[in-house]
Amino acid sequence: MRATGSRRGWRSRILTGLLAVAVVTPGTTVVKADAAEAQGGCDALGVFQDVMGLASIIPGVGSAAALFGSLAGISDRWLCNGENPIQTMMKIAYIQAQLVFDEKMLENFGNQVDEQVGVLNDRTAYPTNLSSEDQISYVNQLQGISGRLGEIEQTGRILSHEALPGMAALASLKLSVLTMAIDSELHRPSNWRFMHSTRLREAQESLDYLAELEAKLVTASDQRFVLTDENLGTTCGTATCTTKRRVYVTDRQTGARLYDSGVLWLGGVSPNPSQQGAYNAALITAALRVMAAKSEFRAIYLTDEYQEVKTGLRAQLASPAPKLFQLRGSPCGGNQYLILQSITWDFLTVTGAAGPVEDSGLLLSGDVAYAQSHDASQFKPIEFGSALMYQVRGASGLMVTVGGGSQAGNFLKLYGNRDYAERNENSQFRTYVNSNDELILQPKDSDLTVGMSNGQHTNSKLMLDGDLTAAISDPTMRFRYRCYPS
């Protein structure tokens, strides 16, 4: 499907209005989205049927129906990892809808956009079961496509007003691909934050470019439709003079006259009575016809879909800076362990009180040097669906879990092996990173987060406390971390 000439055929119209939905909420990472797992795993076929049903009520998406299979592989991993399937496939539908362009796109930008869409649309570039390395590479490629589209967009600002539909489509595609990259970034908080700042810059640049082309549209409409009040000559008799005038509106592009008053006589007496009232009315009619012609001409380009693109771009600028990033992979390298610390000056570390043995409670004890010499203070993050499991270092292979289940006040301890953790969501933790690279841990089956029973003091136990909102502002519910060996 990548290298066929037919792809231009289904680019028969522009569907950029969906950007208003696709990019209004680009940073909503902190969302519970476990419906897929509640339904018992992956059911891509059923989800695609739901989306295709949706496509039937979105004008024009049906003409690109073949595209709904082209990026299916991208969604498979998301569905398997516990994302809400309808939410995920809606994202895919929005992205694919952007791949429908107007006929001017190829004329204005040549094969440049076509080539980038080809890269995006090449299923072989995106394996369905992505390793962490593949996932990072995938995000990098999406960023590259979005960046290249942004470069192409810069050439559009020097084009005529006829480039407006193509530029709107390009802005929509660029921001949609970037949104896709943001949503797909699971491992690198710094890159995720960088893309959010890029999102704001790219949205503003797109709005600026569109404004420049809109100004050219106004100039073109002013120059195209012209009111002419023509003097056809004056004849003077003994007592009076009679002037012949003609008022008309011309479309300079086609040469057609949109309005013509015919010859009007001003002044004089019978048999050529004055037509002053008709002349005044003709001037008003002509002026109104010019205004209507300009409005109709501009409406060809400033469609509802076009306005929705601008609404979406403005929504990007107005959206708040995201506070949390949900980490899906280990923040450390493959051969490193995680050391969790309090965020006070003495950097107390989390450790198993009785060592790396079953039922050993987790508490704050010792500094970094202590943690580096004790297995019970070092944890291996293991990616599992939309969460991470934390396995203590050493031969025991025990996992961090919330003893007694994920209820407020229950303490964390080392318990069970990996098989146990995969079957119990109180051993699986959504792991969030804030702007200071501090971690917040939340059991997958709870809205509560991990805090400290006695503040950031020695022997303070780890327990379930407040929700995410509380954790954002409470230092006793956040942890710094180190990777060891560094």
Protein backbone atom coordinates (compact mmCIF):
# COMPACT_ATOMS: atom_id res chain seq x y z
CA MET A 1 0.00 0.00 0.00
CA ARG A 2 2.94 2.30 0.47
CA ALA A 3 4.30 2.74 -3.05
CA THR A 4 1.20 2.96 -5.22
CA GLY A 5 0.00 5.80 -7.38
CA SER A 6 -3.56 5.16 -6.28
CA ARG A 7 -2.93 6.79 -2.92
CA ARG A 8 -3.46 10.19 -4.50
CA GLY A 9 -6.88 9.03 -5.68
CA TRP A 10 -8.29 8.67 -2.20
CA ARG A 11 -6.96 12.10 -1.29
CA SER A 12 -10.05 13.55 -2.90
CA ARG A 13 -11.07 15.88 -0.11
CA ILE A 14 -9.81 17.45 3.08
CA LEU A 15 -10.92 16.14 6.45
CA THR A 16 -8.85 18.29 8.70
CA GLY A 17 -11.73 19.29 10.98
CA LEU A 18 -11.15 16.19 13.06
CA LEU A 19 -8.02 17.86 14.42
CA ALA A 20 -10.28 19.83 16.71
CA VAL A 21 -11.01 16.56 18.50
CA ALA A 22 -7.71 14.81 17.92
CA VAL A 23 -5.48 17.42 19.47
CA VAL A 24 -7.64 19.21 22.02
CA THR A 25 -6.38 16.94 24.81
CA PRO A 26 -2.83 15.96 23.82
CA GLY A 27 -1.49 15.71 27.36
CA THR A 28 -4.10 13.60 29.12
CA THR A 29 -1.66 10.96 30.23
CA VAL A 30 -3.12 10.61 33.71
CA VAL A 31 -6.18 8.61 32.72
CA LYS A 32 -7.41 5.26 33.96
CA ALA A 33 -7.78 3.18 30.83
CA ASP A 34 -8.15 -0.46 31.71
CA ALA A 35 -11.34 -1.31 29.84
CA ALA A 36 -9.50 -3.61 27.46
CA GLU A 37 -8.17 -5.75 30.28
CA ALA A 38 -11.58 -5.79 31.92
CA GLN A 39 -12.88 -7.23 28.66
CA GLY A 40 -10.30 -9.96 28.79
CA GLY A 41 -7.45 -8.88 26.55
CA CYS A 42 -7.05 -7.93 22.90
CA ASP A 43 -9.96 -7.79 20.52
CA ALA A 44 -8.70 -5.64 17.67
CA LEU A 45 -11.24 -6.94 15.18
CA GLY A 46 -14.21 -5.98 17.32
CA VAL A 47 -12.74 -2.55 17.94
CA PHE A 48 -12.14 -1.98 14.24
CA GLN A 49 -15.78 -2.84 13.58
CA ASP A 50 -16.80 -0.20 16.11
CA VAL A 51 -14.55 2.36 14.45
CA MET A 52 -15.77 1.52 10.98
CA GLY A 53 -19.32 2.03 12.26
CA LEU A 54 -18.21 5.43 13.50
CA ALA A 55 -16.62 6.17 10.12
CA SER A 56 -19.99 5.90 8.43
CA ILE A 57 -21.18 9.05 10.23
CA ILE A 58 -18.04 11.08 9.54
CA PRO A 59 -18.30 12.48 6.00
CA GLY A 60 -15.43 11.43 3.79
CA VAL A 61 -13.75 8.92 6.07
CA GLY A 62 -15.42 6.13 4.14
CA SER A 63 -13.51 7.15 1.03
CA ALA A 64 -10.31 6.25 2.85
CA ALA A 65 -11.64 3.06 4.39
CA ALA A 66 -8.64 1.04 3.21
CA LEU A 67 -6.48 3.07 5.56
CA PHE A 68 -8.21 1.69 8.61
CA GLY A 69 -6.25 -1.52 8.18
CA SER A 70 -2.96 0.11 7.34
CA LEU A 71 -2.03 1.19 10.86
CA ALA A 72 -3.75 -1.65 12.70
CA GLY A 73 -0.45 -3.01 13.93
CA ILE A 74 0.29 0.18 15.82
CA SER A 75 -2.81 -0.24 17.94
CA ASP A 76 -2.34 -3.93 18.73
CA ARG A 77 0.25 -3.31 21.44
CA TRP A 78 -1.85 -0.56 22.98
CA LEU A 79 -4.89 -2.77 23.13
CA CYS A 80 -2.90 -5.59 24.72
CA ASN A 81 -1.44 -3.22 27.28
CA GLY A 82 -4.71 -2.20 28.80
CA GLU A 83 -5.61 0.98 26.96
CA ASN A 84 -9.29 1.69 26.53
CA PRO A 85 -9.84 0.14 23.07
CA ILE A 86 -12.42 2.63 21.83
CA GLN A 87 -10.29 5.55 23.01
CA THR A 88 -7.24 4.07 21.30
CA MET A 89 -8.97 3.35 18.02
CA MET A 90 -10.57 6.78 17.99
CA LYS A 91 -7.05 8.16 18.02
CA ILE A 92 -6.13 5.95 15.09
CA ALA A 93 -9.28 6.99 13.23
CA TYR A 94 -8.47 10.66 13.72
CA ILE A 95 -4.92 10.17 12.49
CA GLN A 96 -6.03 8.26 9.43
CA ALA A 97 -8.69 10.82 8.59
CA GLN A 98 -5.92 13.39 8.25
CA LEU A 99 -4.45 11.42 5.35
CA VAL A 100 -7.14 12.69 2.98
CA PHE A 101 -5.91 15.74 1.11
CA ASP A 102 -7.31 18.19 -1.39
CA GLU A 103 -6.11 18.20 -5.01
CA LYS A 104 -3.87 21.21 -4.40
CA MET A 105 -1.68 19.34 -1.92
CA LEU A 106 0.40 17.59 -4.55
CA GLU A 107 0.57 20.73 -6.69
CA ASN A 108 1.79 22.89 -3.81
CA PHE A 109 4.18 20.54 -2.10
CA GLY A 110 5.10 17.99 -4.75
CA ASN A 111 5.89 14.50 -3.46
CA GLN A 112 7.28 15.68 -0.11
CA VAL A 113 4.11 15.15 1.91
CA ASP A 114 3.29 12.03 -0.05
CA GLU A 115 6.64 10.55 0.91
CA GLN A 116 6.12 11.24 4.61
CA VAL A 117 2.64 9.72 4.52
CA GLY A 118 4.20 6.72 2.82
CA VAL A 119 6.62 6.35 5.73
CA LEU A 120 3.77 6.72 8.23
CA ASN A 121 1.64 4.27 6.33
CA ASP A 122 4.29 1.58 5.94
CA ARG A 123 3.16 -1.20 8.27
CA THR A 124 6.49 -2.98 7.99
CA ALA A 125 8.11 -0.09 9.86
CA TYR A 126 5.97 -0.70 12.96
CA PRO A 127 6.06 -4.26 14.36
CA THR A 128 3.01 -5.20 16.38
CA ASN A 129 4.90 -6.42 19.46
CA LEU A 130 7.33 -3.66 20.26
CA SER A 131 10.31 -4.13 22.53
CA SER A 132 11.44 -1.11 24.54
CA GLU A 133 14.09 -0.40 21.91
CA ASP A 134 11.55 -0.71 19.08
CA GLN A 135 9.14 1.55 20.96
CA ILE A 136 11.76 4.26 21.33
CA SER A 137 12.69 3.90 17.67
CA TYR A 138 9.01 4.13 16.72
CA VAL A 139 8.55 7.37 18.66
CA ASN A 140 11.72 8.77 17.12
CA GLN A 141 10.38 7.99 13.66
CA LEU A 142 7.05 9.68 14.39
CA GLN A 143 8.93 12.72 15.67
CA GLY A 144 11.00 12.69 12.50
CA ILE A 145 7.90 12.60 10.30
CA SER A 146 6.26 15.42 12.25
CA GLY A 147 9.45 17.48 12.07
CA ARG A 148 9.78 16.93 8.32
CA LEU A 149 6.14 17.93 7.81
CA GLY A 150 6.89 21.08 9.81
CA GLU A 151 9.79 21.88 7.49
CA ILE A 152 7.60 21.34 4.44
CA GLU A 153 4.96 23.60 5.97
CA GLN A 154 7.43 26.50 6.10
CA THR A 155 7.53 26.54 2.30
CA GLY A 156 3.76 26.95 2.18
CA ARG A 157 3.74 30.42 3.67
CA ILE A 158 5.16 31.87 0.43
CA LEU A 159 2.42 30.31 -1.71
CA SER A 160 -0.83 31.95 -2.77
CA HIS A 161 -4.15 31.77 -0.96
CA GLU A 162 -4.89 28.61 -2.97
CA ALA A 163 -2.55 26.77 -0.59
CA LEU A 164 -4.91 27.31 2.39
CA PRO A 165 -6.60 23.87 2.22
CA GLY A 166 -3.28 22.10 1.77
CA MET A 167 -1.67 24.08 4.59
CA ALA A 168 -4.59 23.28 6.89
CA ALA A 169 -4.27 19.60 6.03
CA LEU A 170 -0.53 19.77 6.60
CA ALA A 171 -0.94 21.45 9.99
CA SER A 172 -3.51 18.84 10.95
CA LEU A 173 -1.31 15.95 9.87
CA LYS A 174 1.77 17.43 11.53
CA LEU A 175 0.07 17.94 14.89
CA SER A 176 -1.72 14.59 14.71
CA VAL A 177 1.53 12.71 14.10
CA LEU A 178 3.19 14.65 16.92
CA THR A 179 0.24 13.85 19.21
CA MET A 180 0.61 10.21 18.24
CA ALA A 181 4.30 10.40 19.20
CA ILE A 182 3.45 12.03 22.55
CA ASP A 183 0.86 9.37 23.33
CA SER A 184 3.31 6.65 22.31
CA GLU A 185 6.24 7.88 24.41
CA LEU A 186 6.36 5.43 27.28
CA HIS A 187 9.98 5.48 28.42
CA ARG A 188 11.52 8.96 28.27
CA PRO A 189 9.91 11.70 30.38
CA SER A 190 12.39 14.31 29.13
CA ASN A 191 11.51 13.57 25.51
CA TRP A 192 7.80 13.61 26.37
CA ARG A 193 8.15 17.06 27.90
CA PHE A 194 10.23 18.22 24.92
CA MET A 195 7.50 17.10 22.53
CA HIS A 196 4.88 19.01 24.52
CA SER A 197 6.90 22.22 24.16
CA THR A 198 7.38 21.40 20.48
CA ARG A 199 3.61 20.94 20.20
CA LEU A 200 3.03 24.52 21.37
CA ARG A 201 5.62 25.94 19.00
CA GLU A 202 4.35 23.98 16.02
CA ALA A 203 0.73 24.93 16.73
CA GLN A 204 1.64 28.62 16.89
CA GLU A 205 3.69 28.42 13.70
CA SER A 206 0.79 26.77 11.88
CA LEU A 207 -1.59 29.49 13.02
CA ASP A 208 0.88 32.14 11.87
CA TYR A 209 1.26 30.56 8.45
CA LEU A 210 -2.49 30.25 8.01
CA ALA A 211 -2.94 33.89 9.02
CA GLU A 212 -0.45 34.95 6.34
CA LEU A 213 -2.34 32.99 3.69
CA GLU A 214 -5.67 34.35 4.90
CA ALA A 215 -4.30 37.87 4.38
CA LYS A 216 -3.40 36.85 0.83
CA LEU A 217 -6.94 35.54 0.40
CA VAL A 218 -8.37 38.92 1.39
CA THR A 219 -6.07 40.68 -1.08
CA ALA A 220 -6.98 38.22 -3.84
CA SER A 221 -10.71 38.73 -3.24
CA ASP A 222 -10.29 42.53 -3.23
CA GLN A 223 -8.43 42.40 -6.53
CA ARG A 224 -10.71 39.88 -8.17
CA PHE A 225 -14.13 41.50 -7.74
CA VAL A 226 -14.27 45.12 -8.87
CA LEU A 227 -17.07 47.67 -8.95
CA THR A 228 -16.91 49.98 -11.95
CA ASP A 229 -18.92 53.18 -12.32
CA GLU A 230 -18.36 53.98 -15.99
CA ASN A 231 -19.07 57.36 -17.58
CA LEU A 232 -20.30 56.75 -21.14
CA GLY A 233 -20.27 60.41 -22.08
CA THR A 234 -22.12 63.67 -21.56
CA THR A 235 -24.36 65.50 -24.02
CA CYS A 236 -25.33 69.11 -23.42
CA GLY A 237 -28.36 70.87 -24.87
CA THR A 238 -29.50 74.46 -24.63
CA ALA A 239 -30.42 74.36 -20.97
CA THR A 240 -29.11 71.10 -19.49
CA CYS A 241 -26.55 68.35 -19.86
CA THR A 242 -27.28 64.64 -19.86
CA THR A 243 -24.76 62.06 -18.68
CA LYS A 244 -24.89 58.37 -19.48
CA ARG A 245 -23.44 56.01 -16.80
CA ARG A 246 -23.22 52.27 -16.34
CA VAL A 247 -22.52 50.46 -13.04
CA TYR A 248 -21.25 46.91 -13.13
CA VAL A 249 -19.25 44.31 -11.16
CA THR A 250 -16.55 42.28 -12.88
CA ASP A 251 -14.91 39.01 -11.93
CA ARG A 252 -11.41 39.74 -13.19
CA GLN A 253 -10.39 36.09 -13.09
CA THR A 254 -13.15 34.85 -15.41
CA GLY A 255 -14.00 38.10 -17.13
CA ALA A 256 -17.67 37.61 -16.30
CA ARG A 257 -19.91 40.47 -15.22
CA LEU A 258 -21.66 39.56 -11.98
CA TYR A 259 -23.95 42.60 -12.16
CA ASP A 260 -24.78 45.19 -14.83
CA SER A 261 -27.14 48.10 -14.35
CA GLY A 262 -27.39 48.87 -18.04
CA VAL A 263 -27.20 52.45 -19.33
CA LEU A 264 -28.56 55.06 -16.94
CA TRP A 265 -29.31 58.73 -17.73
CA LEU A 266 -28.49 61.45 -15.26
CA GLY A 267 -29.74 65.02 -15.67
CA GLY A 268 -31.64 66.38 -18.61
CA VAL A 269 -35.35 66.57 -19.30
CA SER A 270 -37.83 64.61 -21.37
CA PRO A 271 -37.34 62.61 -23.50
CA ASN A 272 -34.37 61.66 -21.27
CA PRO A 273 -35.63 62.12 -17.73
CA SER A 274 -33.17 61.79 -14.83
CA GLN A 275 -32.60 58.30 -13.40
CA GLN A 276 -30.78 59.50 -10.28
CA GLY A 277 -32.71 57.15 -8.00
CA ALA A 278 -31.97 54.16 -10.22
CA TYR A 279 -28.31 55.16 -10.36
CA ASN A 280 -28.06 55.38 -6.56
CA ALA A 281 -29.79 52.01 -6.23
CA ALA A 282 -27.39 50.53 -8.78
CA LEU A 283 -24.37 51.68 -6.76
CA ILE A 284 -25.80 50.04 -3.64
CA THR A 285 -26.68 46.85 -5.50
CA ALA A 286 -23.22 46.67 -7.04
CA ALA A 287 -21.51 47.23 -3.69
CA LEU A 288 -23.60 44.47 -2.12
CA ARG A 289 -22.79 42.17 -5.03
CA VAL A 290 -19.07 42.80 -4.55
CA MET A 291 -19.38 42.00 -0.85
CA ALA A 292 -21.33 38.82 -1.60
CA ALA A 293 -18.85 37.73 -4.26
CA LYS A 294 -15.91 38.27 -1.92
CA SER A 295 -17.70 36.39 0.86
CA GLU A 296 -18.56 33.48 -1.42
CA PHE A 297 -14.99 33.36 -2.71
CA ARG A 298 -13.46 33.34 0.78
CA ALA A 299 -15.96 30.73 1.94
CA ILE A 300 -14.49 28.30 -0.59
CA TYR A 301 -11.34 28.29 1.54
CA LEU A 302 -12.54 29.26 5.03
CA THR A 303 -14.82 26.24 5.45
CA ASP A 304 -16.21 24.86 8.69
CA GLU A 305 -13.52 22.16 8.55
CA TYR A 306 -10.84 24.79 8.14
CA GLN A 307 -12.17 26.74 11.13
CA GLU A 308 -12.15 23.54 13.17
CA VAL A 309 -8.47 23.10 12.35
CA LYS A 310 -7.79 26.55 13.73
CA THR A 311 -9.88 25.74 16.78
CA GLY A 312 -7.78 22.64 17.32
CA LEU A 313 -4.53 24.57 16.94
CA ARG A 314 -5.72 27.20 19.43
CA ALA A 315 -6.72 24.41 21.82
CA GLN A 316 -3.15 23.15 21.67
CA LEU A 317 -1.91 26.54 22.84
CA ALA A 318 -4.54 26.80 25.57
CA SER A 319 -4.08 23.30 26.98
CA PRO A 320 -2.33 23.27 30.37
CA ALA A 321 1.18 21.96 30.71
CA PRO A 322 0.95 18.29 31.72
CA LYS A 323 2.14 17.58 35.24
CA LEU A 324 2.67 13.83 35.13
CA PHE A 325 4.11 11.30 32.73
CA GLN A 326 3.14 7.63 33.15
CA LEU A 327 6.29 5.59 32.79
CA ARG A 328 5.76 2.23 31.08
CA GLY A 329 9.36 1.09 30.95
CA SER A 330 12.23 1.15 33.42
CA PRO A 331 13.87 4.55 33.90
CA CYS A 332 17.12 2.64 34.25
CA GLY A 333 19.17 0.57 31.81
CA GLY A 334 18.64 -3.12 31.32
CA ASN A 335 21.40 -4.12 33.75
CA GLN A 336 20.62 -1.49 36.37
CA TYR A 337 18.53 -1.51 39.53
CA LEU A 338 16.36 1.28 40.91
CA ILE A 339 17.07 2.89 44.27
CA LEU A 340 14.13 4.90 45.66
CA GLN A 341 14.85 7.87 47.91
CA SER A 342 12.96 10.38 49.99
CA ILE A 343 13.20 13.90 48.60
CA THR A 344 14.60 15.47 51.80
CA TRP A 345 18.21 16.54 52.08
CA ASP A 346 19.39 13.28 53.66
CA PHE A 347 17.98 11.13 50.83
CA LEU A 348 16.81 8.20 52.93
CA THR A 349 16.29 5.11 50.78
CA VAL A 350 13.54 2.49 50.59
CA THR A 351 14.58 -0.94 51.80
CA GLY A 352 13.17 -4.23 52.98
CA ALA A 353 13.41 -4.02 56.75
CA ALA A 354 14.32 -7.70 57.21
CA GLY A 355 16.27 -8.02 53.96
CA PRO A 356 15.18 -9.53 50.62
CA VAL A 357 12.93 -12.10 52.30
CA GLU A 358 9.19 -12.74 52.17
CA ASP A 359 6.95 -10.44 54.22
CA SER A 360 9.80 -7.97 54.72
CA GLY A 361 8.14 -4.58 55.13
CA LEU A 362 9.36 -1.59 53.12
CA LEU A 363 10.54 1.49 55.01
CA LEU A 364 13.01 4.37 54.85
CA SER A 365 16.42 3.41 56.16
CA GLY A 366 19.98 4.31 55.26
CA ASP A 367 21.53 6.56 52.69
CA VAL A 368 22.56 5.89 49.09
CA ALA A 369 25.79 4.19 50.11
CA TYR A 370 23.76 1.84 52.31
CA ALA A 371 21.35 1.09 49.47
CA GLN A 372 24.19 0.34 47.06
CA SER A 373 25.50 -2.37 49.37
CA HIS A 374 22.16 -4.00 50.23
CA ASP A 375 20.09 -6.08 47.80
CA ALA A 376 16.90 -5.28 49.72
CA SER A 377 17.27 -1.61 48.69
CA GLN A 378 17.59 -2.29 44.96
CA PHE A 379 14.63 -3.05 42.69
CA LYS A 380 14.33 -4.18 39.09
CA PRO A 381 11.39 -2.48 37.30
CA ILE A 382 9.63 -4.99 35.02
CA GLU A 383 7.27 -3.72 32.34
CA PHE A 384 3.86 -5.38 32.46
CA GLY A 385 1.06 -3.93 30.38
CA SER A 386 0.35 -0.38 31.45
CA ALA A 387 2.21 -0.81 34.74
CA LEU A 388 5.56 -1.75 36.25
CA MET A 389 6.30 -4.52 38.72
CA TYR A 390 9.24 -4.09 41.11
CA GLN A 391 11.38 -7.12 41.88
CA VAL A 392 13.91 -6.96 44.70
CA ARG A 393 17.49 -7.81 43.84
CA GLY A 394 18.80 -11.18 44.92
CA ALA A 395 18.01 -14.83 44.55
CA SER A 396 14.59 -14.61 46.20
CA GLY A 397 12.97 -12.81 43.24
CA LEU A 398 10.31 -11.34 45.55
CA MET A 399 8.05 -8.55 44.32
CA VAL A 400 6.84 -5.33 45.94
CA THR A 401 3.17 -5.62 46.84
CA VAL A 402 0.54 -3.94 49.01
CA GLY A 403 -0.05 -6.32 51.88
CA GLY A 404 -3.71 -7.16 52.40
CA GLY A 405 -4.80 -5.47 49.17
CA SER A 406 -4.94 -1.89 47.92
CA GLN A 407 -6.83 -0.16 50.70
CA ALA A 408 -5.89 3.07 52.45
CA GLY A 409 -3.43 2.51 55.29
CA ASN A 410 -2.14 -0.88 54.10
CA PHE A 411 1.63 -1.26 54.09
CA LEU A 412 3.98 -2.33 51.29
CA LYS A 413 6.16 -5.41 51.61
CA LEU A 414 8.10 -8.00 49.64
CA TYR A 415 5.87 -10.90 48.74
CA GLY A 416 5.34 -13.45 45.99
CA ASN A 417 7.19 -14.16 42.77
CA ARG A 418 6.69 -12.76 39.30
CA ASP A 419 3.86 -15.17 38.49
CA TYR A 420 2.03 -13.98 41.60
CA ALA A 421 2.58 -10.33 40.68
CA GLU A 422 1.23 -10.82 37.17
CA ARG A 423 -2.00 -12.19 38.66
CA ASN A 424 -2.44 -9.52 41.35
CA GLU A 425 -2.83 -5.84 40.52
CA ASN A 426 -1.74 -4.78 44.01
CA SER A 427 1.73 -5.89 42.85
CA GLN A 428 1.53 -3.83 39.65
CA PHE A 429 2.17 -0.10 39.91
CA ARG A 430 1.38 2.76 37.61
CA THR A 431 4.52 4.84 37.85
CA TYR A 432 4.28 8.56 37.23
CA VAL A 433 7.12 11.06 36.81
CA ASN A 434 6.66 14.77 37.54
CA SER A 435 8.59 17.75 36.18
CA ASN A 436 11.33 17.23 38.79
CA ASP A 437 11.84 13.59 37.80
CA GLU A 438 10.24 12.39 41.02
CA LEU A 439 8.29 9.14 40.98
CA ILE A 440 4.75 8.55 42.21
CA LEU A 441 3.65 4.93 42.64
CA GLN A 442 0.02 3.87 42.35
CA PRO A 443 -1.26 0.25 42.57
CA LYS A 444 -3.10 -0.60 39.40
CA ASP A 445 -6.28 -1.56 41.23
CA SER A 446 -6.51 1.66 43.27
CA ASP A 447 -6.70 5.43 42.95
CA LEU A 448 -4.44 5.77 45.99
CA THR A 449 -0.69 6.32 45.86
CA VAL A 450 2.25 5.19 47.98
CA GLY A 451 3.19 7.49 50.85
CA MET A 452 5.06 7.32 54.15
CA SER A 453 3.52 6.51 57.50
CA ASN A 454 5.64 8.96 59.48
CA GLY A 455 6.85 11.44 56.91
CA GLN A 456 10.37 11.46 55.52
CA HIS A 457 12.07 10.01 58.56
CA THR A 458 14.06 6.89 59.33
CA ASN A 459 11.89 3.79 59.76
CA SER A 460 8.85 5.49 58.23
CA LYS A 461 6.89 2.70 56.53
CA LEU A 462 5.59 2.78 52.97
CA MET A 463 1.80 2.68 52.90
CA LEU A 464 -1.15 3.61 50.68
CA ASP A 465 -2.18 7.19 51.21
CA GLY A 466 -3.85 9.93 49.14
CA ASP A 467 -4.68 10.09 45.44
CA LEU A 468 -2.66 11.50 42.54
CA THR A 469 -3.80 15.05 43.16
CA ALA A 470 -2.52 14.87 46.73
CA ALA A 471 0.74 13.26 45.63
CA ILE A 472 1.51 16.11 43.23
CA SER A 473 1.76 18.54 46.15
CA ASP A 474 2.81 16.23 49.02
CA PRO A 475 6.56 15.40 49.15
CA THR A 476 5.89 12.36 51.37
CA MET A 477 4.13 10.71 48.43
CA ARG A 478 6.93 11.19 45.91
CA PHE A 479 10.35 9.58 45.51
CA ARG A 480 13.59 10.51 43.86
CA TYR A 481 15.46 7.69 42.24
CA ARG A 482 18.92 6.56 41.24
CA CYS A 483 19.99 3.84 38.85
CA TYR A 484 22.62 1.47 40.15
CA PRO A 485 25.25 0.71 39.10
CA SER A 486 25.38 4.09 37.39
